[in-house]
Amino acid sequence: MKRLIDIVVSGGALLVLAPLMAVLIVWIRLDSPGPALFRQTRIGRGAVPFTILKFRSMVSDAEARGGYSTQVGDPRITRAGAFVRRTSLDELPQLLNVLRGDMSLVGPRPDTPMQQSNYTQADWQRRHSVRPGITGLAQARLRSAATAEQRLALDLEYAENASVGRDFSILLETVRTLLKREAV
């Protein structure tokens, strides 16, 4: 049932959001040299690697200039990138990852391979027992303010208690969080 919902919602969202995504592609390409899409290896369900898609929000060689985390005022973030990050529009291409089955609408955010060292082997396996998501408990409740410990606790809580009803609740909570943040 969850997979069917993922396919229907992501497919429909891609159709509806295609014009917006086209505008963002043009803006990102005009704002700084490089491709509009950023591709990176992430870890999916069963700890299987996949390529995540995002709208590029940083200079093309950002990984060579720094690590996987960013700081406030990070000089690698482009003007268009600051907007797509603040509004979470950089995540829209992940609807293609959902359609392909690499991700779900809801689940723990996908890790990079180098983040495995931040987990015990048992936590790594539990966290990757479900498909990663575009949003999850940590994003819905704490956005980017979550500490690594809080994010892990919420990701493990989700993995142990995942259900379609809970996914719907998390999606609603994410929308409320985004709208509240934008209103401020």
Foldseek 3Di string as FASTA:
>chain_A
DQLVCLQVVLVVCCVVCVVVVVVQQVVLCVQAPDGQWDWAWWAWAVRDIDIAIFGDQFHPCVVVVDPPDADVVGNRGTPSSVVCVLLVVRRSVCSVVSNVPQAGQEAQATHHVVCVVVDDPVLVNLLRNHTHHSYYPCCLPPNVNDDPVRSSVRRNVCSVPPDPVVVVVSVVSNVVVSVVSVVD
